[in-house]
Amino acid sequence: MIAGVLVPLLLLASPVQQSPDSLDAFIRAQIAQRKVPGLSIAVIDHGHVVLARGYGVTSPGGTTPVTPTTSFLAGSVSKSVAALGALRLVETGALSLDGDVNERLTTWKVPENAFTASEKVTLRRILSHTAGLTVHGFGGYAVDEPVPTLPQVLDGATPANSQPVRVDTTPGSGWRYSGGGYTVMQQLMNDVTGLGFEQWMAQHVLAPLGMTRSSFRQPPDGDIGAGAASGQYSAASPVPGRWHLYPEMAAAGLWTNPTDLAQFVMGVQASYAGRATPVISQAMTRRMLTIERDGDGLGVFIDTTGGRLLFSHGGRDDGFDTFMEGDAVSGRGIVMMINANDNSNMMRRIREFVARQYGWAGTTPLYAVAPVMMPHARVASLAGRYEVASNQMLTLVPEQGRLVSLVDGLPDRVFVPTSAWGVTSDDGERRFLFVHDGHGRVTGFSRDIDGTQRVAPRIGPLLDSATPGRDPDPARTAKVTAALRTLAADRNGIQASPLLTTGAKADFGGSETVLAGFEGLTFLSHESVAGRGIERHRGIVTDVLAYRLNGSTKGRFVLVHLTSGGLVTDYDVVNE
């Protein structure tokens, strides 16, 4: 049952005014709070770059400042730029949007099976993640490791660290994110151009758009490589060797900066509006920005709410995160890149701050919050971990009568009590109403998303003060230990493991760096979550086990998500 009602807006005072020169201070405070070494940002307003700035430093612990031309790895934003190249090849007749890609692939072909008997893998389906292809994403390769060829990546052959890219559902039957699909597209572009993906993209997409300090070359060289940022993991540890190498260039391998990516955004905007651009036509751009399925266009995600036409993509490589958004109608947009993996809402908050500062439509104003008193015992009972979206956790900890959200062990937002069971973020933007059972045990919280009430189920308790208890099922812990060891090191053993769900086998590559140094587990707690609607990697979670990680991972914990059959379908390494 839901106790109480959602906090009404009348508890919130008038909108808070934001000074026009406060963006610098806001960004500096955000990256300091989140321990992000550096950030670069470009803002587009009415079709022009109106702001390009750098903050912080290029390397964790370093002194070289980030500038607007500092190079970062773009992660999956690479897909959006690569998509533009593929669509150009469609317009020249070198590729077909709806033909079987195997008709143009020569070096390697998508293996046929029962799923491809009636429907084929097409470029349109690859670009919109509806091709039925496996492999969600790629972890890259340390700079001192052997790097596989593209066919080796596609077949999961040594020294590749990812699973083979295969069709395991009928093409066109559903949406599933697939970096593997974009790697098939990269091979396709290699085969039809004869130049190689990196060189062809440089000549026919990057240079014409004016992206003069961008490259898919691995590793980056020249001016791009000389001043490139060094990455940092979410645990605030530097990436050994500064960055990873990504032979999966179309999926994850673009080196660029926000000012250059702003040229991409403005090129799409100009083409959509009918102004001449050197890459694709207005008709093809409008096709690119048309939803194919589940909010996905061709290489970008689409949002048409409120009369806008937003196209966007996020990106993550080991040690780097990117956010890119443009409005095709208004000519507005923003690009941010950081040399860290940050799982908080930091970049989204900066985006909202910028939108308010420039008066963009559809922006939620800040409100002053009117707090109420809540017993400290109740505040403490609300603390814990919650599943706010599939595979996305929110941790709430008590602090002086308030709740503070932790992400990656660092503070993110402050929530103050505003009703008997409700809290509101101190900027008035987020409101939660906690749900409890008949015994007063909290099972989740309800929040409003686009006018719909959704419940974020509780996953488990806080762990920093947890003391080891008696393990009620040592045999289960032994199986969990074996499963995690397989995920950490044994890529070839994943498919044969009887301890993992089908979804986990499909989505994990067997080189889980966050488990490095893991030597064993100490049981802490068990939470039954059956019926709470938690799903990880297509497995319904019924139990969450909390353990302390033993070995060189001192001070870190792991939450293991099990199905009703006792199979591991996911895990989360956390530190508090």
Protein backbone atom coordinates (compact mmCIF):
# COMPACT_ATOMS: atom_id res chain seq x y z
CA MET A 1 0.00 0.00 0.00
CA ILE A 2 1.06 3.64 -0.49
CA ALA A 3 1.06 5.62 2.71
CA GLY A 4 -0.20 9.17 2.32
CA VAL A 5 -0.42 11.20 -0.85
CA LEU A 6 2.13 12.81 -3.12
CA VAL A 7 3.44 16.15 -1.90
CA PRO A 8 1.21 18.81 -3.51
CA LEU A 9 2.76 21.72 -5.34
CA LEU A 10 1.32 24.18 -2.83
CA LEU A 11 4.11 23.12 -0.46
CA LEU A 12 6.55 24.64 -2.92
CA ALA A 13 7.14 28.37 -3.07
CA SER A 14 7.74 30.55 -6.12
CA PRO A 15 10.37 29.62 -8.72
CA VAL A 16 13.94 30.36 -7.65
CA GLN A 17 15.65 32.96 -9.81
CA GLN A 18 18.96 31.93 -11.37
CA SER A 19 21.63 34.57 -11.93
CA PRO A 20 22.93 34.73 -15.50
CA ASP A 21 26.59 34.44 -14.49
CA SER A 22 26.23 31.49 -12.11
CA LEU A 23 26.91 28.62 -14.56
CA ASP A 24 30.66 28.55 -13.88
CA ALA A 25 30.15 28.28 -10.14
CA PHE A 26 27.49 25.61 -10.57
CA ILE A 27 29.66 23.42 -12.81
CA ARG A 28 32.70 23.77 -10.58
CA ALA A 29 30.64 22.79 -7.54
CA GLN A 30 29.18 19.80 -9.37
CA ILE A 31 32.49 18.32 -10.53
CA ALA A 32 34.04 18.93 -7.10
CA GLN A 33 31.17 17.12 -5.36
CA ARG A 34 31.37 14.20 -7.80
CA LYS A 35 35.22 14.15 -7.86
CA VAL A 36 35.22 14.40 -11.67
CA PRO A 37 38.70 15.48 -12.86
CA GLY A 38 37.56 17.49 -15.87
CA LEU A 39 34.56 18.57 -17.93
CA SER A 40 34.18 20.28 -21.30
CA ILE A 41 30.92 21.81 -22.51
CA ALA A 42 29.51 23.45 -25.65
CA VAL A 43 26.10 25.14 -25.79
CA ILE A 44 24.19 25.79 -29.02
CA ASP A 45 21.49 28.45 -29.18
CA HIS A 46 19.56 29.29 -32.36
CA GLY A 47 22.01 27.35 -34.50
CA HIS A 48 25.26 28.81 -33.15
CA VAL A 49 27.77 27.81 -30.49
CA VAL A 50 27.27 30.44 -27.79
CA LEU A 51 29.45 28.89 -25.10
CA ALA A 52 32.48 26.58 -25.13
CA ARG A 53 34.39 26.09 -21.89
CA GLY A 54 36.61 23.64 -20.07
CA TYR A 55 36.74 22.92 -16.34
CA GLY A 56 39.11 20.94 -14.16
CA VAL A 57 42.11 18.97 -15.37
CA THR A 58 42.86 16.48 -18.11
CA SER A 59 44.14 13.73 -15.79
CA PRO A 60 43.18 12.53 -12.31
CA GLY A 61 45.58 14.30 -9.94
CA GLY A 62 47.09 16.33 -12.78
CA THR A 63 47.46 20.08 -13.35
CA THR A 64 46.89 20.52 -17.11
CA PRO A 65 43.58 22.35 -17.52
CA VAL A 66 40.77 21.09 -19.72
CA THR A 67 40.09 23.43 -22.65
CA PRO A 68 37.32 23.44 -25.28
CA THR A 69 39.63 21.49 -27.60
CA THR A 70 40.70 18.79 -25.13
CA SER A 71 39.96 15.36 -26.66
CA PHE A 72 37.74 12.79 -24.92
CA LEU A 73 36.46 9.36 -25.89
CA ALA A 74 32.82 9.73 -26.94
CA GLY A 75 31.62 6.21 -26.13
CA SER A 76 28.29 5.41 -27.76
CA VAL A 77 27.88 8.91 -29.16
CA SER A 78 30.25 7.43 -31.76
CA LYS A 79 27.18 5.57 -33.05
CA SER A 80 25.38 8.81 -33.97
CA VAL A 81 28.33 10.12 -35.99
CA ALA A 82 28.90 6.72 -37.61
CA ALA A 83 25.21 6.55 -38.52
CA LEU A 84 25.57 9.76 -40.51
CA GLY A 85 28.34 8.11 -42.52
CA ALA A 86 26.26 5.01 -43.18
CA LEU A 87 23.31 7.14 -44.34
CA ARG A 88 25.61 9.02 -46.71
CA LEU A 89 26.56 5.68 -48.25
CA VAL A 90 22.86 4.90 -48.65
CA GLU A 91 22.38 8.15 -50.56
CA THR A 92 25.32 7.40 -52.85
CA GLY A 93 23.90 3.95 -53.58
CA ALA A 94 26.77 2.06 -51.97
CA LEU A 95 24.46 0.71 -49.26
CA SER A 96 20.79 -0.21 -49.00
CA LEU A 97 18.78 0.84 -45.98
CA ASP A 98 16.46 -2.17 -46.15
CA GLY A 99 18.46 -4.84 -47.98
CA ASP A 100 20.10 -7.86 -46.37
CA VAL A 101 23.52 -6.66 -45.14
CA ASN A 102 25.02 -10.03 -46.12
CA GLU A 103 24.56 -9.02 -49.76
CA ARG A 104 27.20 -6.29 -49.28
CA LEU A 105 29.41 -7.87 -46.60
CA THR A 106 32.45 -9.64 -48.05
CA THR A 107 35.13 -9.98 -45.34
CA TRP A 108 32.68 -11.41 -42.81
CA LYS A 109 28.99 -12.29 -42.90
CA VAL A 110 26.23 -12.48 -40.30
CA PRO A 111 25.80 -16.22 -39.61
CA GLU A 112 22.41 -17.40 -40.84
CA ASN A 113 20.17 -19.34 -38.47
CA ALA A 114 16.49 -20.01 -37.77
CA PHE A 115 15.92 -16.37 -36.77
CA THR A 116 17.13 -15.05 -40.14
CA ALA A 117 15.17 -17.55 -42.23
CA SER A 118 12.27 -15.15 -42.88
CA GLU A 119 13.65 -11.76 -41.75
CA LYS A 120 17.10 -10.35 -42.42
CA VAL A 121 19.53 -8.03 -40.72
CA THR A 122 19.30 -4.68 -42.47
CA LEU A 123 21.06 -1.37 -42.03
CA ARG A 124 17.83 0.31 -40.89
CA ARG A 125 17.44 -2.34 -38.20
CA ILE A 126 21.06 -2.03 -37.10
CA LEU A 127 20.76 1.74 -36.80
CA SER A 128 17.53 1.48 -34.78
CA HIS A 129 18.64 -1.48 -32.61
CA THR A 130 15.96 -3.78 -34.01
CA ALA A 131 18.18 -6.23 -35.92
CA GLY A 132 18.06 -8.95 -33.26
CA LEU A 133 21.85 -8.81 -32.83
CA THR A 134 23.64 -9.53 -29.54
CA VAL A 135 26.40 -7.78 -27.52
CA HIS A 136 25.22 -4.67 -25.72
CA GLY A 137 28.60 -2.90 -25.49
CA PHE A 138 32.36 -3.25 -25.40
CA GLY A 139 34.97 -2.84 -22.67
CA GLY A 140 37.88 -1.97 -24.95
CA TYR A 141 41.48 -3.15 -24.59
CA ALA A 142 44.28 -1.97 -22.36
CA VAL A 143 46.99 -0.16 -24.29
CA ASP A 144 49.47 -2.98 -23.62
CA GLU A 145 47.08 -5.79 -24.62
CA PRO A 146 46.70 -7.44 -28.04
CA VAL A 147 43.89 -5.80 -30.01
CA PRO A 148 41.71 -8.07 -32.17
CA THR A 149 40.76 -7.50 -35.77
CA LEU A 150 37.16 -6.58 -36.49
CA PRO A 151 36.26 -10.11 -37.71
CA GLN A 152 37.76 -11.50 -34.49
CA VAL A 153 35.54 -9.13 -32.49
CA LEU A 154 32.48 -10.19 -34.49
CA ASP A 155 33.24 -13.87 -33.90
CA GLY A 156 34.36 -13.45 -30.29
CA ALA A 157 37.68 -15.05 -31.26
CA THR A 158 40.91 -14.60 -29.29
CA PRO A 159 42.10 -12.00 -28.38
CA ALA A 160 38.58 -10.48 -28.40
CA ASN A 161 37.15 -10.00 -24.90
CA SER A 162 33.48 -9.90 -25.96
CA GLN A 163 30.99 -12.53 -27.02
CA PRO A 164 30.32 -13.34 -30.70
CA VAL A 165 27.86 -11.02 -32.43
CA ARG A 166 24.96 -13.20 -33.47
CA VAL A 167 21.25 -12.97 -34.27
CA ASP A 168 19.27 -14.49 -31.39
CA THR A 169 15.82 -12.99 -32.03
CA THR A 170 13.89 -12.45 -35.23
CA PRO A 171 15.13 -9.25 -36.92
CA GLY A 172 12.53 -6.51 -36.73
CA SER A 173 10.55 -8.17 -33.93
CA GLY A 174 11.71 -5.95 -31.07
CA TRP A 175 14.11 -3.33 -29.76
CA ARG A 176 17.34 -4.21 -27.97
CA TYR A 177 20.42 -2.02 -27.72
CA SER A 178 23.30 -3.60 -29.62
CA GLY A 179 26.79 -2.21 -29.98
CA GLY A 180 27.42 -5.48 -31.77
CA GLY A 181 25.09 -4.33 -34.53
CA TYR A 182 27.08 -1.16 -35.08
CA THR A 183 30.24 -3.26 -35.28
CA VAL A 184 28.60 -5.25 -38.09
CA MET A 185 27.88 -1.87 -39.73
CA GLN A 186 31.54 -0.87 -39.37
CA GLN A 187 32.58 -4.04 -41.18
CA LEU A 188 29.95 -3.32 -43.82
CA MET A 189 31.36 0.19 -44.37
CA ASN A 190 34.89 -1.22 -44.53
CA ASP A 191 33.83 -3.65 -47.25
CA VAL A 192 31.90 -1.23 -49.46
CA THR A 193 34.30 1.74 -49.25
CA GLY A 194 37.60 -0.09 -49.52
CA LEU A 195 39.22 2.70 -47.47
CA GLY A 196 38.64 1.43 -43.98
CA PHE A 197 36.11 2.93 -41.61
CA GLU A 198 38.42 5.41 -39.86
CA GLN A 199 39.82 6.91 -43.05
CA TRP A 200 36.48 7.04 -44.89
CA MET A 201 34.72 8.74 -41.94
CA ALA A 202 37.54 11.30 -41.68
CA GLN A 203 37.22 12.26 -45.34
CA HIS A 204 33.46 12.11 -45.86
CA VAL A 205 31.91 13.03 -42.49
CA LEU A 206 34.31 14.59 -39.97
CA ALA A 207 36.13 16.99 -42.31
CA PRO A 208 33.00 18.16 -44.19
CA LEU A 209 31.24 18.91 -40.87
CA GLY A 210 34.23 20.88 -39.59
CA MET A 211 35.05 18.34 -36.90
CA THR A 212 38.73 19.12 -37.34
CA ARG A 213 39.89 17.75 -33.99
CA SER A 214 38.02 14.45 -34.14
CA SER A 215 39.14 10.99 -35.21
CA PHE A 216 38.20 7.33 -34.98
CA ARG A 217 41.89 6.36 -35.00
CA GLN A 218 42.93 3.98 -32.20
CA PRO A 219 44.98 5.18 -30.40
CA PRO A 220 44.62 8.89 -31.20
CA ASP A 221 47.65 10.57 -32.72
CA GLY A 222 48.86 14.05 -33.66
CA ASP A 223 47.22 17.03 -31.97
CA ILE A 224 44.19 14.94 -30.97
CA GLY A 225 46.29 12.47 -29.02
CA ALA A 226 48.80 14.95 -27.66
CA GLY A 227 46.32 16.79 -25.46
CA ALA A 228 43.85 13.99 -24.87
CA ALA A 229 42.27 13.53 -21.46
CA SER A 230 42.97 10.49 -19.28
CA GLY A 231 40.05 8.45 -17.96
CA GLN A 232 38.85 7.69 -14.44
CA TYR A 233 36.59 4.86 -13.28
CA SER A 234 33.52 5.49 -11.12
CA ALA A 235 35.49 4.43 -8.04
CA ALA A 236 37.75 7.48 -8.61
CA SER A 237 40.64 5.28 -9.79
CA PRO A 238 42.52 6.17 -12.98
CA VAL A 239 42.30 3.96 -16.06
CA PRO A 240 45.69 2.21 -16.40
CA GLY A 241 47.44 3.46 -19.51
CA ARG A 242 45.11 6.54 -19.56
CA TRP A 243 42.44 4.96 -21.80
CA HIS A 244 41.36 1.80 -23.57
CA LEU A 245 41.58 1.05 -27.28
CA TYR A 246 38.36 0.36 -29.20
CA PRO A 247 38.63 -1.50 -32.51
CA GLU A 248 34.80 -1.27 -32.37
CA MET A 249 35.14 2.29 -33.67
CA ALA A 250 31.58 2.82 -34.92
CA ALA A 251 30.15 1.65 -31.60
CA ALA A 252 32.55 3.33 -29.19
CA GLY A 253 35.80 4.64 -30.73
CA LEU A 254 35.39 8.35 -31.56
CA TRP A 255 37.91 10.79 -30.09
CA THR A 256 36.43 14.29 -30.11
CA ASN A 257 35.47 17.32 -28.01
CA PRO A 258 32.14 19.07 -27.32
CA THR A 259 32.86 21.90 -29.75
CA ASP A 260 33.39 19.41 -32.57
CA LEU A 261 30.31 17.40 -31.59
CA ALA A 262 28.38 20.68 -31.65
CA GLN A 263 29.32 20.87 -35.35
CA PHE A 264 27.65 17.48 -35.79
CA VAL A 265 24.53 18.65 -33.96
CA MET A 266 24.35 21.87 -35.98
CA GLY A 267 24.94 19.97 -39.22
CA VAL A 268 21.93 17.76 -38.48
CA GLN A 269 19.85 20.80 -37.53
CA ALA A 270 20.81 22.66 -40.69
CA SER A 271 20.06 19.68 -42.91
CA TYR A 272 16.70 19.11 -41.23
CA ALA A 273 15.80 22.75 -41.87
CA GLY A 274 16.68 22.41 -45.56
CA ARG A 275 19.94 24.35 -45.53
CA ALA A 276 22.64 22.77 -47.66
CA THR A 277 24.99 20.45 -45.79
CA PRO A 278 27.86 18.37 -47.13
CA VAL A 279 26.90 14.97 -45.70
CA ILE A 280 23.24 13.93 -46.17
CA SER A 281 20.12 15.48 -47.69
CA GLN A 282 17.16 17.01 -45.91
CA ALA A 283 15.02 13.99 -46.81
CA MET A 284 17.56 11.57 -45.33
CA THR A 285 17.98 13.72 -42.22
CA ARG A 286 14.24 13.70 -41.65
CA ARG A 287 14.27 9.93 -42.01
CA MET A 288 17.12 9.80 -39.49
CA LEU A 289 15.04 11.82 -37.00
CA THR A 290 11.89 9.72 -37.43
CA ILE A 291 11.12 7.23 -34.67
CA GLU A 292 11.52 3.65 -35.86
CA ARG A 293 10.72 1.96 -32.56
CA ASP A 294 10.70 2.71 -28.84
CA GLY A 295 11.93 6.29 -29.26
CA ASP A 296 14.84 5.27 -31.46
CA GLY A 297 15.53 6.89 -34.81
CA LEU A 298 18.49 6.02 -37.02
CA GLY A 299 21.53 6.49 -34.80
CA VAL A 300 19.88 8.84 -32.29
CA PHE A 301 17.10 8.75 -29.72
CA ILE A 302 14.09 10.96 -30.42
CA ASP A 303 11.80 12.95 -28.08
CA THR A 304 8.84 14.80 -29.61
CA THR A 305 7.08 15.92 -26.41
CA GLY A 306 5.93 19.51 -26.17
CA GLY A 307 6.29 20.19 -29.88
CA ARG A 308 10.06 19.72 -29.75
CA LEU A 309 12.15 17.39 -31.88
CA LEU A 310 15.01 16.44 -29.61
CA PHE A 311 17.67 14.05 -30.87
CA SER A 312 20.19 12.79 -28.37
CA HIS A 313 22.61 10.09 -27.35
CA GLY A 314 24.71 9.30 -24.30
CA GLY A 315 28.10 7.66 -24.32
CA ARG A 316 30.38 5.70 -22.02
CA ASP A 317 33.80 4.18 -22.49
CA ASP A 318 36.04 3.04 -19.66
CA GLY A 319 36.88 6.32 -17.90
CA PHE A 320 34.81 8.68 -20.10
CA ASP A 321 31.15 9.80 -20.27
CA THR A 322 29.38 11.97 -22.89
CA PHE A 323 25.99 13.65 -23.20
CA MET A 324 24.76 15.09 -26.51
CA GLU A 325 21.39 16.67 -27.30
CA GLY A 326 20.01 18.86 -30.07
CA ASP A 327 16.61 20.31 -30.96
CA ALA A 328 16.03 20.13 -34.71
CA VAL A 329 13.23 22.71 -34.56
CA SER A 330 14.71 25.45 -32.34
CA GLY A 331 18.38 25.03 -33.22
CA ARG A 332 19.37 24.60 -29.58
CA GLY A 333 21.63 21.96 -28.11
CA ILE A 334 24.28 20.97 -25.61
CA VAL A 335 27.27 18.62 -25.52
CA MET A 336 29.20 17.65 -22.39
CA MET A 337 32.17 15.32 -21.99
CA ILE A 338 33.95 14.24 -18.79
CA ASN A 339 37.03 12.13 -18.15
CA ALA A 340 35.24 9.98 -15.58
CA ASN A 341 32.51 7.37 -15.34
CA ASP A 342 29.85 9.10 -13.26
CA ASN A 343 26.54 7.36 -12.62
CA SER A 344 24.83 10.34 -11.01
CA ASN A 345 22.52 12.97 -12.51
CA MET A 346 25.33 15.52 -12.68
CA MET A 347 25.31 16.08 -16.43
CA ARG A 348 21.52 16.13 -16.52
CA ARG A 349 21.51 18.79 -13.77
CA ILE A 350 24.00 20.90 -15.73
CA ARG A 351 21.83 20.50 -18.82
CA GLU A 352 18.78 21.73 -16.90
CA PHE A 353 20.76 24.66 -15.47
CA VAL A 354 21.84 25.70 -18.97
CA ALA A 355 18.29 25.31 -20.30
CA ARG A 356 16.92 27.57 -17.57
CA GLN A 357 19.67 30.11 -18.14
CA TYR A 358 18.94 30.34 -21.87
CA GLY A 359 15.16 30.14 -21.47
CA TRP A 360 14.66 26.90 -23.39
CA ALA A 361 11.09 25.62 -23.61
CA GLY A 362 10.03 22.63 -21.55
CA THR A 363 12.45 23.29 -18.70
CA THR A 364 11.35 22.59 -15.13
CA PRO A 365 11.86 25.63 -12.91
CA LEU A 366 13.57 25.37 -9.54
CA TYR A 367 11.35 25.74 -6.49
CA ALA A 368 12.03 26.59 -2.87
CA VAL A 369 10.97 23.69 -0.65
CA ALA A 370 8.95 23.95 2.57
CA PRO A 371 10.27 21.13 4.81
CA VAL A 372 8.41 19.40 7.65
CA MET A 373 9.73 17.55 10.68
CA MET A 374 10.15 13.78 10.37
CA PRO A 375 11.35 11.54 13.21
CA HIS A 376 14.96 10.54 12.75
CA ALA A 377 14.00 6.88 13.15
CA ARG A 378 11.66 7.14 10.17
CA VAL A 379 14.28 8.95 8.10
CA ALA A 380 16.68 6.11 8.92
CA SER A 381 14.07 3.54 7.87
CA LEU A 382 13.81 5.15 4.44
CA ALA A 383 17.54 4.75 3.82
CA GLY A 384 18.61 1.96 1.48
CA ARG A 385 18.93 1.08 -2.19
CA TYR A 386 16.17 1.43 -4.77
CA GLU A 387 15.80 0.37 -8.42
CA VAL A 388 14.76 3.60 -10.18
CA ALA A 389 15.08 2.01 -13.63
CA SER A 390 16.27 -1.32 -14.96
CA ASN A 391 19.88 -1.74 -13.85
CA GLN A 392 19.93 1.74 -12.28
CA MET A 393 20.20 2.01 -8.50
CA LEU A 394 19.66 4.94 -6.18
CA THR A 395 21.21 4.86 -2.70
CA LEU A 396 19.71 7.03 0.05
CA VAL A 397 21.55 7.64 3.34
CA PRO A 398 20.35 9.58 6.42
CA GLU A 399 22.10 12.79 7.35
CA GLN A 400 20.89 15.26 9.99
CA GLY A 401 17.20 14.54 9.49
CA ARG A 402 17.48 14.51 5.70
CA LEU A 403 18.25 11.92 3.04
CA VAL A 404 21.24 12.25 0.73
CA SER A 405 21.46 10.21 -2.43
CA LEU A 406 24.79 8.50 -3.03
CA VAL A 407 25.97 7.45 -6.43
CA ASP A 408 29.30 5.59 -6.69
CA GLY A 409 29.73 6.33 -2.99
CA LEU A 410 29.60 10.12 -3.50
CA PRO A 411 26.80 12.59 -2.61
CA ASP A 412 24.44 13.51 -5.42
CA ARG A 413 21.21 15.16 -4.17
CA VAL A 414 19.78 16.27 -0.79
CA PHE A 415 16.15 15.32 0.00
CA VAL A 416 14.21 16.99 2.81
CA PRO A 417 11.01 15.63 4.42
CA THR A 418 7.89 17.37 3.07
CA SER A 419 5.14 15.01 4.33
CA ALA A 420 4.72 12.05 6.69
CA TRP A 421 6.26 9.61 4.17
CA GLY A 422 7.43 12.00 1.46
CA VAL A 423 10.68 13.77 0.63
CA THR A 424 11.59 16.40 -1.97
CA SER A 425 14.99 17.31 -3.38
CA ASP A 426 16.18 20.67 -2.11
CA ASP A 427 15.82 22.17 -5.59
CA GLY A 428 12.18 21.06 -5.74
CA GLU A 429 12.77 18.97 -8.85
CA ARG A 430 12.34 15.41 -7.45
CA ARG A 431 9.59 14.19 -5.09
CA PHE A 432 9.35 10.70 -3.62
CA LEU A 433 6.54 9.13 -1.60
CA PHE A 434 7.65 5.97 0.20
CA VAL A 435 5.65 2.75 0.00
CA HIS A 436 5.46 0.33 2.93
CA ASP A 437 3.76 -2.95 3.72
CA GLY A 438 1.33 -3.66 6.52
CA HIS A 439 4.21 -4.01 9.00
CA GLY A 440 5.74 -0.62 8.20
CA ARG A 441 8.63 -2.12 6.22
CA VAL A 442 9.56 0.14 3.30
CA THR A 443 9.32 -1.69 -0.05
CA GLY A 444 9.93 1.21 -2.44
CA PHE A 445 8.98 4.76 -3.29
CA SER A 446 6.53 6.26 -5.76
CA ARG A 447 7.39 9.16 -8.03
CA ASP A 448 5.76 11.02 -10.88
CA ILE A 449 7.28 10.48 -14.35
CA ASP A 450 5.53 12.34 -17.16
CA GLY A 451 2.24 12.25 -15.27
CA THR A 452 2.45 8.55 -14.40
CA GLN A 453 3.07 7.22 -10.90
CA ARG A 454 5.89 4.68 -10.90
CA VAL A 455 7.34 2.75 -8.00
CA ALA A 456 11.07 2.30 -7.51
CA PRO A 457 11.33 -0.99 -5.57
CA ARG A 458 13.67 -1.33 -2.63
CA ILE A 459 16.66 -3.57 -3.37
CA GLY A 460 18.39 -3.74 -0.04
CA PRO A 461 19.95 -1.96 2.95
CA LEU A 462 23.03 0.19 3.34
CA LEU A 463 26.21 -1.80 3.77
CA ASP A 464 28.92 0.43 5.22
CA SER A 465 27.87 -0.33 8.81
CA ALA A 466 26.67 -3.88 8.17
CA THR A 467 28.33 -6.62 10.21
CA PRO A 468 28.77 -10.14 8.87
CA GLY A 469 26.03 -12.47 10.02
CA ARG A 470 25.51 -16.20 9.82
CA ASP A 471 25.29 -17.26 6.20
CA PRO A 472 21.95 -19.14 5.95
CA ASP A 473 23.00 -20.92 2.75
CA PRO A 474 26.78 -21.45 2.33
CA ALA A 475 26.16 -23.65 -0.72
CA ARG A 476 24.38 -20.76 -2.42
CA THR A 477 27.27 -18.44 -1.58
CA ALA A 478 29.70 -20.93 -3.09
CA LYS A 479 27.71 -20.89 -6.34
CA VAL A 480 27.61 -17.09 -6.34
CA THR A 481 31.37 -16.98 -5.80
CA ALA A 482 31.94 -19.31 -8.74
CA ALA A 483 29.62 -17.26 -10.96
CA LEU A 484 31.42 -14.00 -10.17
CA ARG A 485 34.80 -15.56 -10.80
CA THR A 486 33.58 -16.70 -14.19
CA LEU A 487 32.35 -13.20 -15.01
CA ALA A 488 35.64 -11.67 -13.85
CA ALA A 489 38.05 -13.79 -15.83
CA ASP A 490 36.67 -16.74 -17.77
CA ARG A 491 35.18 -15.35 -20.99
CA ASN A 492 34.94 -18.77 -22.59
CA GLY A 493 33.34 -20.28 -19.50
CA ILE A 494 30.41 -17.87 -19.42
CA GLN A 495 28.38 -19.65 -22.07
CA ALA A 496 28.89 -23.03 -20.40
CA SER A 497 28.18 -21.82 -16.87
CA PRO A 498 25.06 -23.35 -15.28
CA LEU A 499 25.08 -20.53 -12.70
CA LEU A 500 24.18 -17.60 -15.00
CA THR A 501 20.95 -16.63 -16.72
CA THR A 502 20.71 -16.57 -20.49
CA GLY A 503 20.56 -12.78 -20.40
CA ALA A 504 23.71 -12.50 -18.29
CA LYS A 505 25.53 -14.85 -20.66
CA ALA A 506 24.51 -12.69 -23.62
CA ASP A 507 25.40 -9.34 -22.07
CA PHE A 508 28.60 -9.95 -20.10
CA GLY A 509 31.95 -10.33 -21.85
CA GLY A 510 33.99 -11.98 -19.12
CA SER A 511 36.40 -9.14 -18.37
CA GLU A 512 34.61 -7.36 -15.55
CA THR A 513 37.34 -5.02 -14.28
CA VAL A 514 35.36 -3.96 -11.20
CA LEU A 515 35.82 -7.47 -9.83
CA ALA A 516 39.61 -7.34 -10.19
CA GLY A 517 41.34 -8.57 -7.04
CA PHE A 518 38.23 -10.35 -5.81
CA GLU A 519 39.24 -13.38 -3.73
CA GLY A 520 36.08 -14.36 -1.89
CA LEU A 521 32.82 -13.22 -0.31
CA THR A 522 31.61 -12.57 3.23
CA PHE A 523 27.83 -12.78 3.63
CA LEU A 524 26.11 -9.64 4.96
CA SER A 525 22.40 -9.76 4.21
CA HIS A 526 19.58 -11.16 2.11
CA GLU A 527 16.51 -9.29 0.87
CA SER A 528 13.54 -11.04 -0.72
CA VAL A 529 12.32 -8.82 -3.58
CA ALA A 530 9.89 -11.22 -5.24
CA GLY A 531 6.97 -9.33 -6.71
CA ARG A 532 8.69 -5.94 -6.67
CA GLY A 533 9.15 -5.90 -10.45
CA ILE A 534 12.95 -5.93 -10.57
CA GLU A 535 14.37 -7.24 -13.85
CA ARG A 536 18.05 -7.45 -14.76
CA HIS A 537 19.32 -8.70 -18.13
CA ARG A 538 15.89 -10.14 -18.91
CA GLY A 539 15.88 -12.15 -15.66
CA ILE A 540 13.20 -11.52 -12.99
CA VAL A 541 14.98 -10.88 -9.68
CA THR A 542 13.52 -12.52 -6.58
CA ASP A 543 16.45 -12.24 -4.17
CA VAL A 544 19.28 -9.79 -3.61
CA LEU A 545 22.29 -10.97 -1.63
CA ALA A 546 24.80 -8.53 -0.12
CA TYR A 547 28.43 -9.53 0.42
CA ARG A 548 31.68 -7.91 1.39
CA LEU A 549 34.31 -8.40 -1.30
CA ASN A 550 37.44 -9.96 0.16
CA GLY A 551 40.98 -9.46 -1.15
CA SER A 552 42.52 -6.35 -2.69
CA THR A 553 39.00 -4.90 -3.06
CA LYS A 554 38.97 -3.91 0.62
CA GLY A 555 36.07 -1.68 1.61
CA ARG A 556 33.89 -2.67 -1.32
CA PHE A 557 30.68 -4.66 -1.47
CA VAL A 558 28.69 -6.54 -4.07
CA LEU A 559 24.94 -6.96 -4.49
CA VAL A 560 24.11 -10.15 -6.35
CA HIS A 561 20.75 -10.44 -8.12
CA LEU A 562 19.26 -13.94 -8.27
CA THR A 563 16.25 -15.37 -10.10
CA SER A 564 13.77 -17.77 -8.51
CA GLY A 565 15.90 -20.61 -9.85
CA GLY A 566 18.94 -19.34 -7.98
CA LEU A 567 20.76 -18.14 -11.11
CA VAL A 568 22.87 -14.98 -11.12
CA THR A 569 21.39 -12.47 -13.55
CA ASP A 570 23.41 -9.39 -12.49
CA TYR A 571 25.66 -7.90 -9.84
CA ASP A 572 26.51 -4.40 -8.58
CA VAL A 573 29.83 -3.55 -6.96
CA VAL A 574 29.28 -0.66 -4.54
CA ASN A 575 31.35 1.35 -2.10
CA GLU A 576 29.99 3.65 0.59
